[in-house]
Every structure is written in structure tokens, then in C-alpha cells.
């Protein structure tokens, strides 16, 4: 995931506002905050993703940016295609997604 700085600050504020004694909150904070790095942009305008994050996301040569509203996701192109096909070809997954979106009022 890649956040513009102001969106990261808003996300961080929300996360810090959650109950500190909730185990899931602690785990999420630990993972997100310990993994977060500020990435540089080179003089050509490319985002320089550190090797540790490229390894974590299994990024190879062809990558894909996907818009997620206030943040972006960076995917290996082939992995994204497989994930997308899995979701779209699995009827129970699609039905669960539809139910969940309806529950959320979408």
C-alpha cells in the first residue's frame, strides 16, 4: 500500500484512536507502523520502493498500481491477474462480497 503523506497521517490518527488494549489493534499497529517507510521520488518522477518492500510484495519486473480511494496498492502484474481471476471466478466469494457490500449500504 502507498499513501500520500496526508492520507497516511489521517490513517495513523484513526489507528491511534482505537482501543490500545485490543489485541487486533495492537497487531495491526505493530505491522503497519513497523513496516512503514517514506519512499523517495527520483528526478524522473519514479517512486523508489525499498528492496524489503519489493520482496514483501513479491514485486518483479512488471508491476501494477491499483487505486484504492485514499491510497494505492502496488502489485506484481501476474499476481494481480491471478487474484482478480480467483475472485471473479469463485461464485461463493462474489456472493459473500455482494452480501457484505449490501450490509454496508452499497
PDB file of N, CA and C in Angstrom:
ATOM      1  N   UNK A   1       0.840  -1.169   0.000  1.00  0.00           N
ATOM      2  CA  UNK A   1       0.000   0.000   0.000  1.00  0.00           C
ATOM      3  C   UNK A   1       0.888   1.236   0.000  1.00  0.00           C
ATOM      4  N   UNK A   2       0.424   2.240  -0.687  1.00  0.00           N
ATOM      5  CA  UNK A   2       1.138   3.508  -0.729  1.00  0.00           C
ATOM      6  C   UNK A   2       0.147   4.619  -0.418  1.00  0.00           C
ATOM      7  N   UNK A   3       0.504   5.436   0.543  1.00  0.00           N
ATOM      8  CA  UNK A   3      -0.346   6.535   0.964  1.00  0.00           C
ATOM      9  C   UNK A   3       0.341   7.863   0.687  1.00  0.00           C
ATOM     10  N   UNK A   4      -0.397   8.846   0.175  1.00  0.00           N
ATOM     11  CA  UNK A   4       0.145  10.205   0.218  1.00  0.00           C
ATOM     12  C   UNK A   4       0.316  10.572   1.700  1.00  0.00           C
ATOM     13  N   UNK A   5       1.248  11.436   1.996  1.00  0.00           N
ATOM     14  CA  UNK A   5       1.580  11.734   3.387  1.00  0.00           C
ATOM     15  C   UNK A   5       0.360  12.164   4.203  1.00  0.00           C
ATOM     16  N   UNK A   6      -0.500  13.011   3.655  1.00  0.00           N
ATOM     17  CA  UNK A   6      -1.662  13.469   4.443  1.00  0.00           C
ATOM     18  C   UNK A   6      -2.646  12.324   4.700  1.00  0.00           C
ATOM     19  N   UNK A   7      -2.775  11.396   3.752  1.00  0.00           N
ATOM     20  CA  UNK A   7      -3.669  10.260   3.956  1.00  0.00           C
ATOM     21  C   UNK A   7      -3.086   9.296   4.979  1.00  0.00           C
ATOM     22  N   UNK A   8      -1.760   9.135   4.955  1.00  0.00           N
ATOM     23  CA  UNK A   8      -1.115   8.298   5.970  1.00  0.00           C
ATOM     24  C   UNK A   8      -1.340   8.895   7.348  1.00  0.00           C
ATOM     25  N   UNK A   9      -1.197  10.206   7.470  1.00  0.00           N
ATOM     26  CA  UNK A   9      -1.401  10.873   8.761  1.00  0.00           C
ATOM     27  C   UNK A   9      -2.833  10.663   9.251  1.00  0.00           C
ATOM     28  N   UNK A  10      -3.813  10.751   8.339  1.00  0.00           N
ATOM     29  CA  UNK A  10      -5.208  10.531   8.726  1.00  0.00           C
ATOM     30  C   UNK A  10      -5.427   9.080   9.156  1.00  0.00           C
ATOM     31  N   UNK A  11      -4.844   8.128   8.421  1.00  0.00           N
ATOM     32  CA  UNK A  11      -4.953   6.711   8.773  1.00  0.00           C
ATOM     33  C   UNK A  11      -4.298   6.459  10.131  1.00  0.00           C
ATOM     34  N   UNK A  12      -3.118   7.017  10.320  1.00  0.00           N
ATOM     35  CA  UNK A  12      -2.391   6.847  11.577  1.00  0.00           C
ATOM     36  C   UNK A  12      -3.211   7.396  12.746  1.00  0.00           C
ATOM     37  N   UNK A  13      -3.840   8.542  12.542  1.00  0.00           N
ATOM     38  CA  UNK A  13      -4.654   9.140  13.599  1.00  0.00           C
ATOM     39  C   UNK A  13      -5.833   8.231  13.950  1.00  0.00           C
ATOM     40  N   UNK A  14      -6.491   7.680  12.937  1.00  0.00           N
ATOM     41  CA  UNK A  14      -7.602   6.751  13.196  1.00  0.00           C
ATOM     42  C   UNK A  14      -7.120   5.523  13.956  1.00  0.00           C
ATOM     43  N   UNK A  15      -6.001   4.981  13.512  1.00  0.00           N
ATOM     44  CA  UNK A  15      -5.459   3.782  14.151  1.00  0.00           C
ATOM     45  C   UNK A  15      -5.073   4.060  15.605  1.00  0.00           C
ATOM     46  N   UNK A  16      -4.519   5.217  15.851  1.00  0.00           N
ATOM     47  CA  UNK A  16      -4.127   5.574  17.220  1.00  0.00           C
ATOM     48  C   UNK A  16      -5.343   5.849  18.099  1.00  0.00           C
ATOM     49  N   UNK A  17      -6.494   6.135  17.485  1.00  0.00           N
ATOM     50  CA  UNK A  17      -7.710   6.380  18.246  1.00  0.00           C
ATOM     51  C   UNK A  17      -8.440   5.115  18.662  1.00  0.00           C
ATOM     52  N   UNK A  18      -7.993   3.968  18.166  1.00  0.00           N
ATOM     53  CA  UNK A  18      -8.621   2.699  18.521  1.00  0.00           C
ATOM     54  C   UNK A  18      -8.118   2.225  19.882  1.00  0.00           C
ATOM     55  N   UNK A  19      -8.869   1.353  20.543  1.00  0.00           N
ATOM     56  CA  UNK A  19      -8.502   0.901  21.891  1.00  0.00           C
ATOM     57  C   UNK A  19      -7.128   0.219  21.933  1.00  0.00           C
ATOM     58  N   UNK A  20      -6.253   0.709  22.780  1.00  0.00           N
ATOM     59  CA  UNK A  20      -4.890   0.189  22.842  1.00  0.00           C
ATOM     60  C   UNK A  20      -4.805  -1.213  23.438  1.00  0.00           C
ATOM     61  N   UNK A  21      -5.810  -1.648  24.174  1.00  0.00           N
ATOM     62  CA  UNK A  21      -5.753  -2.965  24.793  1.00  0.00           C
ATOM     63  C   UNK A  21      -6.449  -4.045  23.954  1.00  0.00           C
ATOM     64  N   UNK A  22      -6.908  -3.679  22.776  1.00  0.00           N
ATOM     65  CA  UNK A  22      -7.497  -4.646  21.850  1.00  0.00           C
ATOM     66  C   UNK A  22      -6.353  -5.334  21.105  1.00  0.00           C
ATOM     67  N   UNK A  23      -6.293  -6.652  21.207  1.00  0.00           N
ATOM     68  CA  UNK A  23      -5.182  -7.405  20.620  1.00  0.00           C
ATOM     69  C   UNK A  23      -5.059  -7.176  19.110  1.00  0.00           C
ATOM     70  N   UNK A  24      -6.182  -7.182  18.381  1.00  0.00           N
ATOM     71  CA  UNK A  24      -6.140  -6.976  16.932  1.00  0.00           C
ATOM     72  C   UNK A  24      -5.611  -5.588  16.587  1.00  0.00           C
ATOM     73  N   UNK A  25      -5.971  -4.599  17.385  1.00  0.00           N
ATOM     74  CA  UNK A  25      -5.482  -3.233  17.159  1.00  0.00           C
ATOM     75  C   UNK A  25      -3.970  -3.187  17.365  1.00  0.00           C
ATOM     76  N   UNK A  26      -3.490  -3.788  18.432  1.00  0.00           N
ATOM     77  CA  UNK A  26      -2.040  -3.820  18.682  1.00  0.00           C
ATOM     78  C   UNK A  26      -1.301  -4.503  17.541  1.00  0.00           C
ATOM     79  N   UNK A  27      -1.847  -5.622  17.077  1.00  0.00           N
ATOM     80  CA  UNK A  27      -1.199  -6.344  15.985  1.00  0.00           C
ATOM     81  C   UNK A  27      -1.173  -5.508  14.711  1.00  0.00           C
ATOM     82  N   UNK A  28      -2.287  -4.856  14.395  1.00  0.00           N
ATOM     83  CA  UNK A  28      -2.343  -4.018  13.207  1.00  0.00           C
ATOM     84  C   UNK A  28      -1.363  -2.855  13.311  1.00  0.00           C
ATOM     85  N   UNK A  29      -1.330  -2.190  14.459  1.00  0.00           N
ATOM     86  CA  UNK A  29      -0.366  -1.104  14.665  1.00  0.00           C
ATOM     87  C   UNK A  29       1.064  -1.604  14.476  1.00  0.00           C
ATOM     88  N   UNK A  30       1.354  -2.735  15.090  1.00  0.00           N
ATOM     89  CA  UNK A  30       2.710  -3.287  15.026  1.00  0.00           C
ATOM     90  C   UNK A  30       3.124  -3.537  13.575  1.00  0.00           C
ATOM     91  N   UNK A  31       2.258  -4.170  12.819  1.00  0.00           N
ATOM     92  CA  UNK A  31       2.571  -4.500  11.430  1.00  0.00           C
ATOM     93  C   UNK A  31       2.691  -3.237  10.592  1.00  0.00           C
ATOM     94  N   UNK A  32       1.693  -2.366  10.664  1.00  0.00           N
ATOM     95  CA  UNK A  32       1.699  -1.175   9.813  1.00  0.00           C
ATOM     96  C   UNK A  32       2.811  -0.207  10.178  1.00  0.00           C
ATOM     97  N   UNK A  33       2.941   0.112  11.432  1.00  0.00           N
ATOM     98  CA  UNK A  33       3.921   1.123  11.816  1.00  0.00           C
ATOM     99  C   UNK A  33       5.359   0.635  11.656  1.00  0.00           C
ATOM    100  N   UNK A  34       5.610  -0.628  11.942  1.00  0.00           N
ATOM    101  CA  UNK A  34       6.983  -1.123  11.828  1.00  0.00           C
ATOM    102  C   UNK A  34       7.402  -1.308  10.372  1.00  0.00           C
ATOM    103  N   UNK A  35       6.428  -1.458   9.477  1.00  0.00           N
ATOM    104  CA  UNK A  35       6.737  -1.676   8.066  1.00  0.00           C
ATOM    105  C   UNK A  35       6.725  -0.397   7.238  1.00  0.00           C
ATOM    106  N   UNK A  36       6.213   0.666   7.807  1.00  0.00           N
ATOM    107  CA  UNK A  36       6.061   1.908   7.041  1.00  0.00           C
ATOM    108  C   UNK A  36       7.412   2.567   6.785  1.00  0.00           C
ATOM    109  N   UNK A  37       7.594   2.999   5.561  1.00  0.00           N
ATOM    110  CA  UNK A  37       8.793   3.755   5.188  1.00  0.00           C
ATOM    111  C   UNK A  37       8.372   4.879   4.248  1.00  0.00           C
ATOM    112  N   UNK A  38       9.067   5.980   4.360  1.00  0.00           N
ATOM    113  CA  UNK A  38       8.835   7.073   3.428  1.00  0.00           C
ATOM    114  C   UNK A  38       9.712   6.818   2.209  1.00  0.00           C
ATOM    115  N   UNK A  39       9.084   6.764   1.052  1.00  0.00           N
ATOM    116  CA  UNK A  39       9.803   6.462  -0.183  1.00  0.00           C
ATOM    117  C   UNK A  39      10.159   7.754  -0.912  1.00  0.00           C
ATOM    118  N   UNK A  40      11.294   7.717  -1.550  1.00  0.00           N
ATOM    119  CA  UNK A  40      11.758   8.867  -2.316  1.00  0.00           C
ATOM    120  C   UNK A  40      11.243   8.789  -3.742  1.00  0.00           C
ATOM    121  N   UNK A  41      11.176   9.948  -4.362  1.00  0.00           N
ATOM    122  CA  UNK A  41      10.861  10.046  -5.781  1.00  0.00           C
ATOM    123  C   UNK A  41      12.130  10.538  -6.462  1.00  0.00           C
ATOM    124  N   UNK A  42      12.557   9.839  -7.532  1.00  0.00           N
ATOM    125  CA  UNK A  42      13.794  10.244  -8.192  1.00  0.00           C
ATOM    126  C   UNK A  42      13.554  11.449  -9.097  1.00  0.00           C
ATOM    127  N   UNK A  43      14.603  11.929  -9.752  1.00  0.00           N
ATOM    128  CA  UNK A  43      14.496  13.138 -10.567  1.00  0.00           C
ATOM    129  C   UNK A  43      13.699  12.941 -11.856  1.00  0.00           C
ATOM    130  N   UNK A  44      13.313  11.699 -12.147  1.00  0.00           N
ATOM    131  CA  UNK A  44      12.474  11.405 -13.310  1.00  0.00           C
ATOM    132  C   UNK A  44      11.005  11.265 -12.885  1.00  0.00           C
ATOM    133  N   UNK A  45      10.760  11.239 -11.558  1.00  0.00           N
ATOM    134  CA  UNK A  45       9.405  11.116 -11.041  1.00  0.00           C
ATOM    135  C   UNK A  45       8.991   9.715 -10.659  1.00  0.00           C
ATOM    136  N   UNK A  46       9.971   8.794 -10.597  1.00  0.00           N
ATOM    137  CA  UNK A  46       9.664   7.413 -10.227  1.00  0.00           C
ATOM    138  C   UNK A  46       9.733   7.255  -8.707  1.00  0.00           C
ATOM    139  N   UNK A  47       8.810   6.475  -8.173  1.00  0.00           N
ATOM    140  CA  UNK A  47       8.810   6.167  -6.755  1.00  0.00           C
ATOM    141  C   UNK A  47       9.813   5.049  -6.514  1.00  0.00           C
ATOM    142  N   UNK A  48      10.731   5.264  -5.598  1.00  0.00           N
ATOM    143  CA  UNK A  48      11.761   4.270  -5.304  1.00  0.00           C
ATOM    144  C   UNK A  48      11.311   3.417  -4.119  1.00  0.00           C
ATOM    145  N   UNK A  49      10.884   2.194  -4.420  1.00  0.00           N
ATOM    146  CA  UNK A  49      10.382   1.278  -3.402  1.00  0.00           C
ATOM    147  C   UNK A  49      11.562   0.469  -2.862  1.00  0.00           C
ATOM    148  N   UNK A  50      11.805   0.514  -1.537  1.00  0.00           N
ATOM    149  CA  UNK A  50      12.929  -0.236  -0.964  1.00  0.00           C
ATOM    150  C   UNK A  50      12.833  -1.727  -1.241  1.00  0.00           C
ATOM    151  N   UNK A  51      13.983  -2.364  -1.323  1.00  0.00           N
ATOM    152  CA  UNK A  51      14.053  -3.796  -1.620  1.00  0.00           C
ATOM    153  C   UNK A  51      13.242  -4.624  -0.633  1.00  0.00           C
ATOM    154  N   UNK A  52      13.251  -4.258   0.640  1.00  0.00           N
ATOM    155  CA  UNK A  52      12.490  -5.034   1.631  1.00  0.00           C
ATOM    156  C   UNK A  52      11.000  -5.051   1.296  1.00  0.00           C
ATOM    157  N   UNK A  53      10.471  -3.922   0.838  1.00  0.00           N
ATOM    158  CA  UNK A  53       9.057  -3.877   0.475  1.00  0.00           C
ATOM    159  C   UNK A  53       8.796  -4.573  -0.857  1.00  0.00           C
ATOM    160  N   UNK A  54       9.750  -4.474  -1.785  1.00  0.00           N
ATOM    161  CA  UNK A  54       9.596  -5.207  -3.053  1.00  0.00           C
ATOM    162  C   UNK A  54       9.576  -6.703  -2.782  1.00  0.00           C
ATOM    163  N   UNK A  55      10.421  -7.168  -1.875  1.00  0.00           N
ATOM    164  CA  UNK A  55      10.433  -8.587  -1.506  1.00  0.00           C
ATOM    165  C   UNK A  55       9.109  -8.978  -0.850  1.00  0.00           C
ATOM    166  N   UNK A  56       8.638  -8.155   0.079  1.00  0.00           N
ATOM    167  CA  UNK A  56       7.388  -8.437   0.791  1.00  0.00           C
ATOM    168  C   UNK A  56       6.218  -8.581  -0.177  1.00  0.00           C
ATOM    169  N   UNK A  57       6.152  -7.692  -1.165  1.00  0.00           N
ATOM    170  CA  UNK A  57       5.056  -7.716  -2.133  1.00  0.00           C
ATOM    171  C   UNK A  57       5.341  -8.633  -3.315  1.00  0.00           C
ATOM    172  N   UNK A  58       6.491  -9.279  -3.307  1.00  0.00           N
ATOM    173  CA  UNK A  58       6.905 -10.166  -4.396  1.00  0.00           C
ATOM    174  C   UNK A  58       6.844  -9.443  -5.745  1.00  0.00           C
ATOM    175  N   UNK A  59       7.334  -8.194  -5.745  1.00  0.00           N
ATOM    176  CA  UNK A  59       7.343  -7.411  -6.976  1.00  0.00           C
ATOM    177  C   UNK A  59       8.517  -7.821  -7.834  1.00  0.00           C
ATOM    178  N   UNK A  60       8.223  -8.046  -9.087  1.00  0.00           N
ATOM    179  CA  UNK A  60       9.276  -8.413 -10.027  1.00  0.00           C
ATOM    180  C   UNK A  60       9.416  -7.298 -11.043  1.00  0.00           C
ATOM    181  N   UNK A  61       9.388  -7.622 -12.295  1.00  0.00           N
ATOM    182  CA  UNK A  61       9.616  -6.603 -13.327  1.00  0.00           C
ATOM    183  C   UNK A  61       8.374  -5.777 -13.643  1.00  0.00           C
ATOM    184  N   UNK A  62       7.266  -6.453 -13.952  1.00  0.00           N
ATOM    185  CA  UNK A  62       6.044  -5.752 -14.344  1.00  0.00           C
ATOM    186  C   UNK A  62       5.146  -5.564 -13.130  1.00  0.00           C
ATOM    187  N   UNK A  63       4.891  -4.315 -12.796  1.00  0.00           N
ATOM    188  CA  UNK A  63       4.063  -4.011 -11.631  1.00  0.00           C
ATOM    189  C   UNK A  63       2.857  -3.191 -12.065  1.00  0.00           C
ATOM    190  N   UNK A  64       1.874  -3.164 -11.191  1.00  0.00           N
ATOM    191  CA  UNK A  64       0.615  -2.502 -11.479  1.00  0.00           C
ATOM    192  C   UNK A  64       0.199  -1.691 -10.258  1.00  0.00           C
ATOM    193  N   UNK A  65      -0.125  -0.415 -10.483  1.00  0.00           N
ATOM    194  CA  UNK A  65      -0.702   0.423  -9.429  1.00  0.00           C
ATOM    195  C   UNK A  65      -2.214   0.250  -9.484  1.00  0.00           C
ATOM    196  N   UNK A  66      -2.837   0.024  -8.350  1.00  0.00           N
ATOM    197  CA  UNK A  66      -4.294  -0.059  -8.314  1.00  0.00           C
ATOM    198  C   UNK A  66      -4.810   1.005  -7.349  1.00  0.00           C
ATOM    199  N   UNK A  67      -5.757   1.785  -7.791  1.00  0.00           N
ATOM    200  CA  UNK A  67      -6.342   2.817  -6.949  1.00  0.00           C
ATOM    201  C   UNK A  67      -7.273   2.206  -5.920  1.00  0.00           C
ATOM    202  N   UNK A  68      -7.137   2.637  -4.679  1.00  0.00           N
ATOM    203  CA  UNK A  68      -7.963   2.130  -3.589  1.00  0.00           C
ATOM    204  C   UNK A  68      -8.585   3.289  -2.806  1.00  0.00           C
ATOM    205  N   UNK A  69      -8.957   4.354  -3.506  1.00  0.00           N
ATOM    206  CA  UNK A  69      -9.500   5.528  -2.829  1.00  0.00           C
ATOM    207  C   UNK A  69      -8.368   6.384  -2.313  1.00  0.00           C
ATOM    208  N   UNK A  70      -8.225   6.482  -0.993  1.00  0.00           N
ATOM    209  CA  UNK A  70      -7.199   7.373  -0.446  1.00  0.00           C
ATOM    210  C   UNK A  70      -5.770   6.823  -0.512  1.00  0.00           C
ATOM    211  N   UNK A  71      -5.620   5.589  -0.937  1.00  0.00           N
ATOM    212  CA  UNK A  71      -4.274   5.029  -1.064  1.00  0.00           C
ATOM    213  C   UNK A  71      -4.207   4.184  -2.337  1.00  0.00           C
ATOM    214  N   UNK A  72      -3.007   3.729  -2.648  1.00  0.00           N
ATOM    215  CA  UNK A  72      -2.766   2.876  -3.811  1.00  0.00           C
ATOM    216  C   UNK A  72      -2.200   1.543  -3.347  1.00  0.00           C
ATOM    217  N   UNK A  73      -2.360   0.536  -4.176  1.00  0.00           N
ATOM    218  CA  UNK A  73      -1.673  -0.729  -3.950  1.00  0.00           C
ATOM    219  C   UNK A  73      -0.755  -0.979  -5.131  1.00  0.00           C
ATOM    220  N   UNK A  74       0.372  -1.556  -4.852  1.00  0.00           N
ATOM    221  CA  UNK A  74       1.346  -1.904  -5.872  1.00  0.00           C
ATOM    222  C   UNK A  74       1.418  -3.425  -5.921  1.00  0.00           C
ATOM    223  N   UNK A  75       1.127  -3.986  -7.102  1.00  0.00           N
ATOM    224  CA  UNK A  75       1.056  -5.436  -7.271  1.00  0.00           C
ATOM    225  C   UNK A  75       2.011  -5.888  -8.360  1.00  0.00           C
ATOM    226  N   UNK A  76       2.516  -7.096  -8.214  1.00  0.00           N
ATOM    227  CA  UNK A  76       3.128  -7.780  -9.337  1.00  0.00           C
ATOM    228  C   UNK A  76       1.998  -8.040 -10.328  1.00  0.00           C
ATOM    229  N   UNK A  77       2.214  -7.712 -11.587  1.00  0.00           N
ATOM    230  CA  UNK A  77       1.146  -7.777 -12.594  1.00  0.00           C
ATOM    231  C   UNK A  77       0.525  -9.167 -12.695  1.00  0.00           C
ATOM    232  N   UNK A  78       1.342 -10.209 -12.707  1.00  0.00           N
ATOM    233  CA  UNK A  78       0.818 -11.569 -12.821  1.00  0.00           C
ATOM    234  C   UNK A  78       0.047 -11.990 -11.570  1.00  0.00           C
ATOM    235  N   UNK A  79       0.560 -11.630 -10.399  1.00  0.00           N
ATOM    236  CA  UNK A  79      -0.132 -11.975  -9.149  1.00  0.00           C
ATOM    237  C   UNK A  79      -1.488 -11.285  -9.071  1.00  0.00           C
ATOM    238  N   UNK A  80      -1.544 -10.026  -9.519  1.00  0.00           N
ATOM    239  CA  UNK A  80      -2.811  -9.309  -9.513  1.00  0.00           C
ATOM    240  C   UNK A  80      -3.825  -9.995 -10.444  1.00  0.00           C
ATOM    241  N   UNK A  81      -3.380 -10.368 -11.634  1.00  0.00           N
ATOM    242  CA  UNK A  81      -4.276 -11.033 -12.588  1.00  0.00           C
ATOM    243  C   UNK A  81      -4.821 -12.336 -12.000  1.00  0.00           C
ATOM    244  N   UNK A  82      -3.979 -13.105 -11.320  1.00  0.00           N
ATOM    245  CA  UNK A  82      -4.424 -14.361 -10.703  1.00  0.00           C
ATOM    246  C   UNK A  82      -5.417 -14.102  -9.574  1.00  0.00           C
ATOM    247  N   UNK A  83      -5.117 -13.116  -8.723  1.00  0.00           N
ATOM    248  CA  UNK A  83      -6.011 -12.782  -7.616  1.00  0.00           C
ATOM    249  C   UNK A  83      -7.374 -12.341  -8.155  1.00  0.00           C
ATOM    250  N   UNK A  84      -7.367 -11.484  -9.168  1.00  0.00           N
ATOM    251  CA  UNK A  84      -8.596 -10.966  -9.749  1.00  0.00           C
ATOM    252  C   UNK A  84      -9.424 -12.105 -10.354  1.00  0.00           C
ATOM    253  N   UNK A  85      -8.762 -12.981 -11.076  1.00  0.00           N
ATOM    254  CA  UNK A  85      -9.457 -14.108 -11.692  1.00  0.00           C
ATOM    255  C   UNK A  85     -10.041 -15.032 -10.632  1.00  0.00           C
ATOM    256  N   UNK A  86      -9.310 -15.258  -9.533  1.00  0.00           N
ATOM    257  CA  UNK A  86      -9.818 -16.100  -8.445  1.00  0.00           C
ATOM    258  C   UNK A  86     -11.111 -15.527  -7.888  1.00  0.00           C
ATOM    259  N   UNK A  87     -11.123 -14.229  -7.637  1.00  0.00           N
ATOM    260  CA  UNK A  87     -12.313 -13.594  -7.072  1.00  0.00           C
ATOM    261  C   UNK A  87     -13.480 -13.670  -8.046  1.00  0.00           C
ATOM    262  N   UNK A  88     -13.215 -13.306  -9.291  1.00  0.00           N
ATOM    263  CA  UNK A  88     -14.293 -13.244 -10.269  1.00  0.00           C
ATOM    264  C   UNK A  88     -14.829 -14.616 -10.668  1.00  0.00           C
ATOM    265  N   UNK A  89     -14.007 -15.642 -10.574  1.00  0.00           N
ATOM    266  CA  UNK A  89     -14.452 -16.974 -10.997  1.00  0.00           C
ATOM    267  C   UNK A  89     -15.051 -17.789  -9.856  1.00  0.00           C
ATOM    268  N   UNK A  90     -14.978 -17.297  -8.616  1.00  0.00           N
ATOM    269  CA  UNK A  90     -15.478 -18.039  -7.458  1.00  0.00           C
ATOM    270  C   UNK A  90     -16.825 -17.462  -7.018  1.00  0.00           C
ATOM    271  N   UNK A  91     -17.898 -18.165  -7.367  1.00  0.00           N
ATOM    272  CA  UNK A  91     -19.241 -17.656  -7.084  1.00  0.00           C
ATOM    273  C   UNK A  91     -19.489 -17.413  -5.593  1.00  0.00           C
ATOM    274  N   UNK A  92     -19.125 -18.328  -4.678  1.00  0.00           N
ATOM    275  CA  UNK A  92     -19.343 -18.038  -3.256  1.00  0.00           C
ATOM    276  C   UNK A  92     -18.613 -16.765  -2.784  1.00  0.00           C
ATOM    277  N   UNK A  93     -17.417 -16.538  -3.289  1.00  0.00           N
ATOM    278  CA  UNK A  93     -16.683 -15.327  -2.919  1.00  0.00           C
ATOM    279  C   UNK A  93     -17.410 -14.093  -3.416  1.00  0.00           C
ATOM    280  N   UNK A  94     -17.867 -14.123  -4.658  1.00  0.00           N
ATOM    281  CA  UNK A  94     -18.608 -12.980  -5.215  1.00  0.00           C
ATOM    282  C   UNK A  94     -19.899 -12.734  -4.439  1.00  0.00           C
ATOM    283  N   UNK A  95     -20.607 -13.810  -4.106  1.00  0.00           N
ATOM    284  CA  UNK A  95     -21.864 -13.663  -3.360  1.00  0.00           C
ATOM    285  C   UNK A  95     -21.613 -13.087  -1.969  1.00  0.00           C
ATOM    286  N   UNK A  96     -20.551 -13.541  -1.303  1.00  0.00           N
ATOM    287  CA  UNK A  96     -20.206 -13.007   0.016  1.00  0.00           C
ATOM    288  C   UNK A  96     -19.842 -11.527  -0.079  1.00  0.00           C
ATOM    289  N   UNK A  97     -19.114 -11.161  -1.118  1.00  0.00           N
ATOM    290  CA  UNK A  97     -18.751  -9.764  -1.321  1.00  0.00           C
ATOM    291  C   UNK A  97     -20.017  -8.933  -1.539  1.00  0.00           C
ATOM    292  N   UNK A  98     -20.949  -9.429  -2.341  1.00  0.00           N
ATOM    293  CA  UNK A  98     -22.210  -8.723  -2.577  1.00  0.00           C
ATOM    294  C   UNK A  98     -23.008  -8.562  -1.288  1.00  0.00           C
ATOM    295  N   UNK A  99     -23.081  -9.627  -0.466  1.00  0.00           N
ATOM    296  CA  UNK A  99     -23.793  -9.547   0.813  1.00  0.00           C
ATOM    297  C   UNK A  99     -23.154  -8.518   1.736  1.00  0.00           C
ATOM    298  N   UNK A 100     -21.829  -8.568   1.797  1.00  0.00           N
ATOM    299  CA  UNK A 100     -21.112  -7.638   2.692  1.00  0.00           C
ATOM    300  C   UNK A 100     -21.302  -6.194   2.242  1.00  0.00           C
ATOM    301  N   UNK A 101     -21.244  -5.948   0.954  1.00  0.00           N
ATOM    302  CA  UNK A 101     -21.456  -4.588   0.439  1.00  0.00           C
ATOM    303  C   UNK A 101     -22.880  -4.131   0.708  1.00  0.00           C
ATOM    304  N   UNK A 102     -23.853  -5.027   0.571  1.00  0.00           N
ATOM    305  CA  UNK A 102     -25.238  -4.680   0.876  1.00  0.00           C
ATOM    306  C   UNK A 102     -25.383  -4.338   2.364  1.00  0.00           C
ATOM    307  N   UNK A 103     -24.716  -5.129   3.229  1.00  0.00           N
ATOM    308  CA  UNK A 103     -24.735  -4.847   4.681  1.00  0.00           C
ATOM    309  C   UNK A 103     -24.180  -3.458   4.985  1.00  0.00           C
ATOM    310  N   UNK A 104     -23.204  -3.047   4.178  1.00  0.00           N
ATOM    311  CA  UNK A 104     -22.571  -1.739   4.370  1.00  0.00           C
ATOM    312  C   UNK A 104     -23.348  -0.609   3.698  1.00  0.00           C
ATOM    313  N   UNK A 105     -24.424  -0.971   3.013  1.00  0.00           N
ATOM    314  CA  UNK A 105     -25.264   0.038   2.370  1.00  0.00           C
ATOM    315  C   UNK A 105     -24.839   0.421   0.973  1.00  0.00           C
ATOM    316  N   UNK A 106     -24.046  -0.431   0.320  1.00  0.00           N
ATOM    317  CA  UNK A 106     -23.627  -0.152  -1.061  1.00  0.00           C
ATOM    318  C   UNK A 106     -24.365  -1.026  -2.044  1.00  0.00           C
TER     319      UNK A 106
END
